[in-house]
Amino acid sequence: MNIINGGVTAPKGFSAAGAACGLKKNGKKDLALVCSDDLAVASGVFTTNVVKGHSLQVTMEHIKCGYARAIVINSGNANACVGESGYLDAKEIARLAAELLDCETENVLVGSTGVIGMPLNMTCVKSGVRTAIATLSPDGGHDAMEAIMTTDLVPKEIAVELEIQGEKVTIGGMAKGSGMIHPNMATMIGVITTDANISRSLMDKALKDIVKYTFNRVSVDGDTSVCDMVLMLANGEAENEGIIKEASIEYRDFKQALELVCTALSRMIAQDGEGATKLVEISASGAASEEDAYKIVSSIARSPLVKTAIFGEDANWGRIITAAGYSGAEFDPNLVDIHIGNLMVCRNGAALPFDEAKAKQILKEREIKISINVKKGNFKDRMWTCDFSCDYVKINASYRS
């Protein structure tokens, strides 16, 4: 498989647009539309937060039919916690888009991201929907990407090309996410498109399997939003012979390509965490169970003390073992080894002499790996996070203004 230029419009039969309708105070693009030429099979994974945004609620209803034609996402307003009007507004967005695209309302999925507790300006949104539909283009993927950004500093998009049954198949994706990011699910908003001919049930299985160890292994600040979702559309335009079947080589290849897309987007989100200066990969090995491995990496990844030490380039490994210790995982502290990069800083739960200058140099890198081995079993896990800088506080102290 090959990484190629493009995002959600790289696969055949997809177009997109991004419009500035006035929801963002800075006048930047704030309404995105991704559209398939024909009806596509659809799947999604959604936040487990008991509080759910109204647009997300509508999408969870619509996706039950198994098919979608378009996805409309606004930024600048989460359309959450505003009462029945928020739900009705989300339904109206879907209805208007469906009318203009000549499809059923249930075939339009909607998303919103931004400030919670503020009603949508529907005059702006409707204008944005009309503009986006009028400007749909096979080259509009990047504009759509820009339109879903909130505190993101960099766009997040990727496309991968592979061969299935003698035909070129493409998977494209875009995601937004910088803060309020932690499992479960999906810690951000993501859209993935493919022109593969694959059944809804098998695509759904592949997406959920991969999301568990990609998007659900990202933590910026330990907060899970109310608008989080990953949506995937497959329109079959690649015309690979027959529907891909489970346990086939074609399914394995498709799943590997999808995992590459999801992994890349997940790493981009962690690297672009609010105020972040470093991408950090936390790995745990030797755990007694899958659950314990996850508890350890999750606890370390969301520890403010670990994250501030990384920002300060301080090899304070005591904060790492402490976070593992309160994670709820079972292990013997006297067996724990810890590495920062390739430098061992703790052996069998005790301090050992290490080169502080080398540790400082490792922590100056843009990407850092921290690994912990608890020597209790054979299970392992990993999570991507970022450091906590002074800018994280500044961004979130004045988010609404």
Protein backbone atom coordinates (compact mmCIF):
# COMPACT_ATOMS: atom_id res chain seq x y z
CA MET A 1 0.00 0.00 0.00
CA ASN A 2 1.09 3.59 -0.60
CA ILE A 3 0.35 6.86 1.15
CA ILE A 4 -0.87 9.34 -1.47
CA ASN A 5 -1.82 13.00 -1.50
CA GLY A 6 -5.33 13.88 -0.42
CA GLY A 7 -7.87 13.20 2.27
CA VAL A 8 -11.56 12.34 2.22
CA THR A 9 -11.96 13.03 -1.50
CA ALA A 10 -9.05 10.84 -2.59
CA PRO A 11 -11.34 7.79 -3.07
CA LYS A 12 -13.45 7.72 -6.25
CA GLY A 13 -16.94 9.17 -6.09
CA PHE A 14 -16.44 11.56 -3.17
CA SER A 15 -16.58 15.34 -3.16
CA ALA A 16 -16.38 17.87 -0.34
CA ALA A 17 -16.51 21.54 0.53
CA GLY A 18 -15.79 23.93 3.36
CA ALA A 19 -17.70 27.16 3.90
CA ALA A 20 -17.44 30.16 6.22
CA CYS A 21 -20.95 30.82 7.46
CA GLY A 22 -20.24 33.03 10.45
CA LEU A 23 -20.21 30.63 13.42
CA LYS A 24 -16.54 31.35 14.08
CA LYS A 25 -15.75 34.86 15.23
CA ASN A 26 -12.54 34.92 13.19
CA GLY A 27 -14.37 34.45 9.89
CA LYS A 28 -12.65 31.17 9.05
CA LYS A 29 -14.35 28.15 7.48
CA ASP A 30 -16.81 26.56 9.91
CA LEU A 31 -19.08 24.24 7.94
CA ALA A 32 -17.86 21.10 6.20
CA LEU A 33 -19.65 18.79 3.80
CA VAL A 34 -18.43 15.39 2.61
CA CYS A 35 -20.60 13.73 -0.02
CA SER A 36 -20.66 10.47 -1.95
CA ASP A 37 -21.94 10.53 -5.53
CA ASP A 38 -24.07 7.50 -4.71
CA LEU A 39 -25.48 6.02 -1.54
CA ALA A 40 -22.69 4.52 0.59
CA VAL A 41 -22.69 1.96 3.37
CA ALA A 42 -22.09 3.77 6.65
CA SER A 43 -20.66 2.93 10.04
CA GLY A 44 -19.78 4.94 13.12
CA VAL A 45 -18.30 4.83 16.60
CA PHE A 46 -19.55 7.31 19.16
CA THR A 47 -18.68 8.83 22.52
CA THR A 48 -19.56 6.85 25.65
CA ASN A 49 -20.11 10.08 27.57
CA VAL A 50 -23.66 9.92 28.94
CA VAL A 51 -24.02 13.57 27.86
CA LYS A 52 -24.32 13.62 24.08
CA GLY A 53 -24.56 16.53 21.68
CA HIS A 54 -27.80 16.90 19.72
CA SER A 55 -26.14 16.50 16.32
CA LEU A 56 -24.48 13.30 17.51
CA GLN A 57 -27.85 12.00 18.74
CA VAL A 58 -29.38 12.54 15.31
CA THR A 59 -26.46 10.81 13.59
CA MET A 60 -26.74 7.82 15.93
CA GLU A 61 -30.38 7.52 14.84
CA HIS A 62 -29.76 8.01 11.11
CA ILE A 63 -26.84 5.59 10.87
CA LYS A 64 -29.03 2.70 11.98
CA CYS A 65 -30.35 2.48 8.41
CA GLY A 66 -26.85 1.45 7.37
CA TYR A 67 -26.46 3.90 4.48
CA ALA A 68 -25.51 7.55 4.05
CA ARG A 69 -24.99 10.01 1.23
CA ALA A 70 -23.45 12.96 3.05
CA ILE A 71 -21.92 14.20 6.29
CA VAL A 72 -22.40 17.81 7.45
CA ILE A 73 -20.21 19.09 10.29
CA ASN A 74 -20.14 22.57 11.79
CA SER A 75 -17.43 23.93 14.05
CA GLY A 76 -17.59 26.85 16.44
CA ASN A 77 -20.64 25.48 18.27
CA ALA A 78 -21.12 22.01 19.80
CA ASN A 79 -24.93 22.12 19.55
CA ALA A 80 -25.03 20.40 22.93
CA CYS A 81 -27.05 20.89 26.11
CA VAL A 82 -29.48 23.44 24.68
CA GLY A 83 -32.69 21.41 24.99
CA GLU A 84 -35.10 20.15 22.33
CA SER A 85 -34.25 23.02 19.98
CA GLY A 86 -30.76 21.59 19.50
CA TYR A 87 -32.14 18.24 18.39
CA LEU A 88 -34.64 19.92 16.05
CA ASP A 89 -31.86 22.10 14.60
CA ALA A 90 -29.75 19.02 13.85
CA LYS A 91 -32.73 17.38 12.14
CA GLU A 92 -33.29 20.53 10.09
CA ILE A 93 -29.66 20.57 8.94
CA ALA A 94 -30.05 16.98 7.74
CA ARG A 95 -33.40 17.73 6.11
CA LEU A 96 -32.09 20.76 4.21
CA ALA A 97 -28.99 18.94 2.99
CA ALA A 98 -31.08 15.96 1.92
CA GLU A 99 -33.47 18.20 0.00
CA LEU A 100 -30.62 19.88 -1.88
CA LEU A 101 -28.84 16.57 -2.56
CA ASP A 102 -32.07 14.76 -3.49
CA CYS A 103 -31.75 11.98 -0.93
CA GLU A 104 -33.55 10.85 2.22
CA THR A 105 -33.06 12.83 5.45
CA GLU A 106 -31.86 9.64 7.16
CA ASN A 107 -29.03 9.46 4.64
CA VAL A 108 -27.46 12.66 5.95
CA LEU A 109 -25.25 12.46 9.06
CA VAL A 110 -24.48 15.56 11.11
CA GLY A 111 -21.84 16.63 13.58
CA SER A 112 -21.04 19.71 15.61
CA THR A 113 -17.97 20.78 17.59
CA GLY A 114 -17.17 23.84 19.64
CA VAL A 115 -18.63 25.56 22.70
CA ILE A 116 -21.26 23.64 24.71
CA GLY A 117 -24.50 25.29 25.83
CA MET A 118 -25.02 27.83 23.05
CA PRO A 119 -27.86 27.57 20.49
CA LEU A 120 -26.86 27.25 16.84
CA ASN A 121 -27.34 30.28 14.65
CA MET A 122 -29.46 28.42 12.11
CA THR A 123 -29.56 31.30 9.66
CA CYS A 124 -25.78 31.02 9.38
CA VAL A 125 -25.81 27.21 9.28
CA LYS A 126 -28.44 27.00 6.55
CA SER A 127 -26.52 29.50 4.48
CA GLY A 128 -23.38 27.44 5.00
CA VAL A 129 -25.12 24.22 3.93
CA ARG A 130 -26.34 25.85 0.72
CA THR A 131 -22.90 27.31 -0.03
CA ALA A 132 -21.13 24.02 0.67
CA ILE A 133 -23.46 22.02 -1.56
CA ALA A 134 -23.10 24.58 -4.34
CA THR A 135 -19.31 24.37 -4.17
CA LEU A 136 -18.87 20.59 -3.78
CA SER A 137 -15.72 19.45 -5.54
CA PRO A 138 -13.50 16.35 -5.81
CA ASP A 139 -10.73 18.74 -4.75
CA GLY A 140 -12.63 20.06 -1.73
CA GLY A 141 -11.30 17.67 0.89
CA HIS A 142 -8.78 20.10 2.36
CA ASP A 143 -11.40 22.87 2.59
CA ALA A 144 -13.66 20.48 4.52
CA MET A 145 -10.74 19.63 6.78
CA GLU A 146 -10.14 23.29 7.57
CA ALA A 147 -13.82 23.81 8.32
CA ILE A 148 -13.93 21.28 11.18
CA MET A 149 -10.90 22.70 13.02
CA THR A 150 -11.42 24.43 16.37
CA THR A 151 -8.29 24.86 18.51
CA ASP A 152 -6.36 22.66 16.08
CA LEU A 153 -3.22 24.31 14.78
CA VAL A 154 -2.58 21.92 11.89
CA PRO A 155 -4.92 20.04 9.51
CA LYS A 156 -5.12 16.28 9.90
CA GLU A 157 -5.72 14.28 6.74
CA ILE A 158 -4.28 11.28 4.93
CA ALA A 159 -5.04 8.92 2.04
CA VAL A 160 -3.81 5.40 1.32
CA GLU A 161 -3.96 3.42 -1.89
CA LEU A 162 -3.85 -0.38 -2.22
CA GLU A 163 -4.89 -3.10 -4.66
CA ILE A 164 -7.80 -5.44 -3.97
CA GLN A 165 -8.96 -8.07 -6.46
CA GLY A 166 -6.98 -6.39 -9.22
CA GLU A 167 -8.53 -2.96 -8.66
CA LYS A 168 -7.04 0.18 -7.09
CA VAL A 169 -8.81 0.93 -3.79
CA THR A 170 -8.36 4.12 -1.80
CA ILE A 171 -9.06 5.00 1.83
CA GLY A 172 -9.04 8.67 2.85
CA GLY A 173 -9.54 10.35 6.18
CA MET A 174 -9.65 13.61 8.09
CA ALA A 175 -9.96 14.35 11.79
CA LYS A 176 -10.15 17.27 14.16
CA GLY A 177 -9.07 17.21 17.76
CA SER A 178 -6.70 19.11 19.98
CA GLY A 179 -8.28 19.33 23.43
CA MET A 180 -10.96 17.61 25.51
CA ILE A 181 -9.49 14.36 24.27
CA HIS A 182 -9.48 11.02 26.05
CA PRO A 183 -11.15 7.64 25.43
CA ASN A 184 -13.87 6.48 25.14
CA MET A 185 -14.95 7.20 22.14
CA ALA A 186 -13.71 8.62 19.78
CA THR A 187 -11.97 11.53 21.45
CA MET A 188 -12.53 13.77 18.42
CA ILE A 189 -14.46 13.96 15.16
CA GLY A 190 -13.18 11.88 12.27
CA VAL A 191 -14.45 11.09 8.79
CA ILE A 192 -13.10 8.17 6.76
CA THR A 193 -14.09 7.42 3.18
CA THR A 194 -13.32 4.55 0.84
CA ASP A 195 -14.31 3.47 -2.64
CA ALA A 196 -13.95 -0.21 -1.69
CA ASN A 197 -16.81 -2.60 -2.30
CA ILE A 198 -17.30 -3.94 1.22
CA SER A 199 -20.36 -4.92 3.23
CA ARG A 200 -21.60 -2.67 5.98
CA SER A 201 -21.22 -5.41 8.62
CA LEU A 202 -17.61 -6.15 7.69
CA MET A 203 -16.64 -2.48 7.45
CA ASP A 204 -18.30 -1.90 10.82
CA LYS A 205 -16.28 -4.74 12.34
CA ALA A 206 -13.00 -3.48 10.87
CA LEU A 207 -13.66 0.09 12.01
CA LYS A 208 -14.55 -0.88 15.58
CA ASP A 209 -11.62 -3.29 15.90
CA ILE A 210 -9.14 -0.65 14.74
CA VAL A 211 -10.63 2.31 16.61
CA LYS A 212 -10.05 0.48 19.89
CA TYR A 213 -6.27 0.63 19.48
CA THR A 214 -5.93 3.89 17.55
CA PHE A 215 -8.39 6.71 18.25
CA ASN A 216 -9.17 5.13 21.61
CA ARG A 217 -5.51 5.22 22.52
CA VAL A 218 -5.15 9.00 22.38
CA SER A 219 -5.28 11.20 25.46
CA VAL A 220 -4.48 14.90 25.56
CA ASP A 221 -6.05 16.01 28.81
CA GLY A 222 -8.18 13.18 30.25
CA ASP A 223 -11.50 14.72 29.15
CA THR A 224 -13.92 12.93 26.83
CA SER A 225 -16.13 15.30 24.85
CA VAL A 226 -19.88 15.01 24.23
CA CYS A 227 -19.59 15.30 20.44
CA ASP A 228 -17.01 12.61 19.69
CA MET A 229 -17.49 10.34 16.70
CA VAL A 230 -15.73 8.58 13.86
CA LEU A 231 -17.83 8.04 10.74
CA MET A 232 -16.95 5.88 7.75
CA LEU A 233 -18.53 5.68 4.29
CA ALA A 234 -17.83 3.10 1.55
CA ASN A 235 -19.43 3.67 -1.85
CA GLY A 236 -18.04 0.72 -3.87
CA GLU A 237 -16.84 2.95 -6.72
CA ALA A 238 -13.52 1.06 -6.97
CA GLU A 239 -15.44 -1.86 -8.49
CA ASN A 240 -13.29 -4.55 -6.92
CA GLU A 241 -14.76 -7.91 -7.92
CA GLY A 242 -17.37 -8.97 -5.41
CA ILE A 243 -17.81 -7.83 -1.85
CA ILE A 244 -14.76 -8.35 0.40
CA LYS A 245 -15.30 -11.32 2.70
CA GLU A 246 -14.06 -11.87 6.23
CA ALA A 247 -10.98 -14.07 6.71
CA SER A 248 -9.83 -13.29 3.14
CA ILE A 249 -6.50 -11.81 2.09
CA GLU A 250 -8.44 -8.83 0.71
CA TYR A 251 -10.01 -8.14 4.10
CA ARG A 252 -6.63 -8.38 5.80
CA ASP A 253 -5.13 -5.90 3.35
CA PHE A 254 -8.12 -3.54 3.66
CA LYS A 255 -7.91 -3.65 7.44
CA GLN A 256 -4.16 -2.95 7.41
CA ALA A 257 -4.71 0.10 5.20
CA LEU A 258 -7.53 1.34 7.43
CA GLU A 259 -5.33 0.86 10.48
CA LEU A 260 -2.59 2.92 8.84
CA VAL A 261 -5.07 5.76 8.23
CA CYS A 262 -6.46 5.65 11.78
CA THR A 263 -3.01 5.39 13.36
CA ALA A 264 -1.69 8.36 11.41
CA LEU A 265 -4.69 10.53 12.32
CA SER A 266 -4.47 9.48 15.97
CA ARG A 267 -0.81 10.46 16.18
CA MET A 268 -1.57 13.79 14.51
CA ILE A 269 -4.20 14.52 17.15
CA ALA A 270 -1.84 13.75 20.03
CA GLN A 271 0.95 15.79 18.45
CA ASP A 272 -1.39 18.75 17.97
CA GLY A 273 -2.71 18.67 21.53
CA GLU A 274 -3.57 22.11 22.87
CA GLY A 275 -0.32 23.86 23.70
CA ALA A 276 1.68 20.68 23.04
CA THR A 277 5.36 20.78 22.19
CA LYS A 278 5.98 17.00 22.14
CA LEU A 279 4.28 13.79 20.98
CA VAL A 280 4.64 11.10 23.66
CA GLU A 281 4.10 7.36 23.19
CA ILE A 282 3.52 5.46 26.43
CA SER A 283 3.93 1.69 26.27
CA ALA A 284 3.40 -0.91 28.98
CA SER A 285 4.47 -4.54 28.80
CA GLY A 286 4.51 -7.52 31.12
CA ALA A 287 0.99 -6.87 32.43
CA ALA A 288 -1.13 -9.65 33.92
CA SER A 289 -4.12 -8.83 31.72
CA GLU A 290 -5.22 -6.69 28.78
CA GLU A 291 -7.18 -4.52 31.21
CA ASP A 292 -4.16 -3.95 33.45
CA ALA A 293 -1.97 -2.95 30.49
CA TYR A 294 -4.59 -0.39 29.44
CA LYS A 295 -4.96 0.94 32.98
CA ILE A 296 -1.22 1.57 33.22
CA VAL A 297 -0.78 3.42 29.92
CA SER A 298 -3.98 5.40 30.45
CA SER A 299 -2.98 6.49 33.94
CA ILE A 300 0.50 7.60 32.89
CA ALA A 301 -0.79 9.36 29.77
CA ARG A 302 -3.27 11.50 31.69
CA SER A 303 -1.01 12.35 34.65
CA PRO A 304 -0.51 16.13 34.79
CA LEU A 305 2.75 15.60 36.70
CA VAL A 306 4.17 13.27 34.05
CA LYS A 307 3.08 15.59 31.26
CA THR A 308 4.53 18.72 32.89
CA ALA A 309 7.82 16.92 33.60
CA ILE A 310 8.07 16.06 29.90
CA PHE A 311 7.41 19.69 28.98
CA GLY A 312 10.16 20.73 31.41
CA GLU A 313 12.48 18.04 30.01
CA ASP A 314 12.91 16.60 33.49
CA ALA A 315 13.53 12.81 33.68
CA ASN A 316 11.43 12.54 36.83
CA TRP A 317 10.61 8.83 36.45
CA GLY A 318 9.14 8.73 39.95
CA ARG A 319 6.03 10.37 38.53
CA ILE A 320 5.74 7.56 35.97
CA ILE A 321 5.87 4.70 38.47
CA THR A 322 3.53 6.62 40.77
CA ALA A 323 0.92 7.01 38.02
CA ALA A 324 1.19 3.28 37.25
CA GLY A 325 0.78 2.55 40.95
CA TYR A 326 -2.56 4.32 41.30
CA SER A 327 -3.91 3.02 37.98
CA GLY A 328 -5.67 0.07 39.59
CA ALA A 329 -3.49 -2.48 37.79
CA GLU A 330 -2.01 -5.31 39.81
CA PHE A 331 1.79 -5.61 39.80
CA ASP A 332 4.79 -5.82 42.12
CA PRO A 333 6.51 -2.40 42.32
CA ASN A 334 9.80 -4.17 43.08
CA LEU A 335 9.90 -5.66 39.57
CA VAL A 336 9.25 -2.53 37.50
CA ASP A 337 11.66 -1.34 34.80
CA ILE A 338 11.24 2.09 33.15
CA HIS A 339 12.90 3.50 30.03
CA ILE A 340 12.78 7.04 28.68
CA GLY A 341 13.67 6.56 25.04
CA ASN A 342 16.45 3.98 25.06
CA LEU A 343 17.69 5.09 28.47
CA MET A 344 16.84 2.90 31.48
CA VAL A 345 16.03 5.13 34.46
CA CYS A 346 14.53 2.55 36.84
CA ARG A 347 15.38 -1.14 37.33
CA ASN A 348 13.36 -3.48 39.52
CA GLY A 349 11.49 -0.58 41.07
CA ALA A 350 14.58 1.23 42.26
CA ALA A 351 16.70 4.17 41.21
CA LEU A 352 19.86 3.54 39.24
CA PRO A 353 22.54 5.93 38.04
CA PHE A 354 21.83 7.32 34.56
CA ASP A 355 23.23 10.08 32.41
CA GLU A 356 21.08 13.16 33.15
CA ALA A 357 22.52 14.97 30.14
CA LYS A 358 21.47 12.12 27.85
CA ALA A 359 18.02 12.06 29.44
CA LYS A 360 17.69 15.79 28.85
CA GLN A 361 18.69 15.34 25.22
CA ILE A 362 16.07 12.60 24.72
CA LEU A 363 13.38 14.79 26.27
CA LYS A 364 14.26 17.65 23.94
CA GLU A 365 13.10 15.60 20.96
CA ARG A 366 9.76 16.32 19.25
CA GLU A 367 8.73 12.66 19.73
CA ILE A 368 9.41 10.78 22.96
CA LYS A 369 8.83 7.17 24.00
CA ILE A 370 8.29 6.08 27.59
CA SER A 371 8.12 2.36 28.33
CA ILE A 372 7.33 0.49 31.52
CA ASN A 373 7.66 -3.27 32.08
CA VAL A 374 5.88 -4.58 35.17
CA LYS A 375 6.98 -8.22 34.64
CA LYS A 376 3.68 -9.70 35.74
CA GLY A 377 2.44 -11.39 32.54
CA ASN A 378 2.42 -11.24 28.75
CA PHE A 379 -0.01 -8.39 27.96
CA LYS A 380 0.97 -5.03 26.55
CA ASP A 381 -0.62 -1.78 25.35
CA ARG A 382 0.33 1.72 24.23
CA MET A 383 -1.17 5.19 24.17
CA TRP A 384 -0.28 8.46 22.50
CA THR A 385 -0.36 11.69 24.47
CA CYS A 386 1.47 15.01 24.64
CA ASP A 387 3.08 17.27 27.20
CA PHE A 388 1.30 19.98 29.20
CA SER A 389 2.70 23.42 28.49
CA CYS A 390 1.79 26.86 29.83
CA ASP A 391 -0.19 27.43 26.63
CA TYR A 392 -2.64 24.62 27.50
CA VAL A 393 -3.84 26.63 30.49
CA LYS A 394 -4.02 29.85 28.47
CA ILE A 395 -6.08 28.23 25.70
CA ASN A 396 -8.60 26.66 28.05
CA ALA A 397 -8.81 29.53 30.52
CA SER A 398 -10.34 31.72 27.80
CA TYR A 399 -11.91 29.17 25.42
CA ARG A 400 -15.36 30.82 25.24
CA SER A 401 -13.95 34.28 24.63
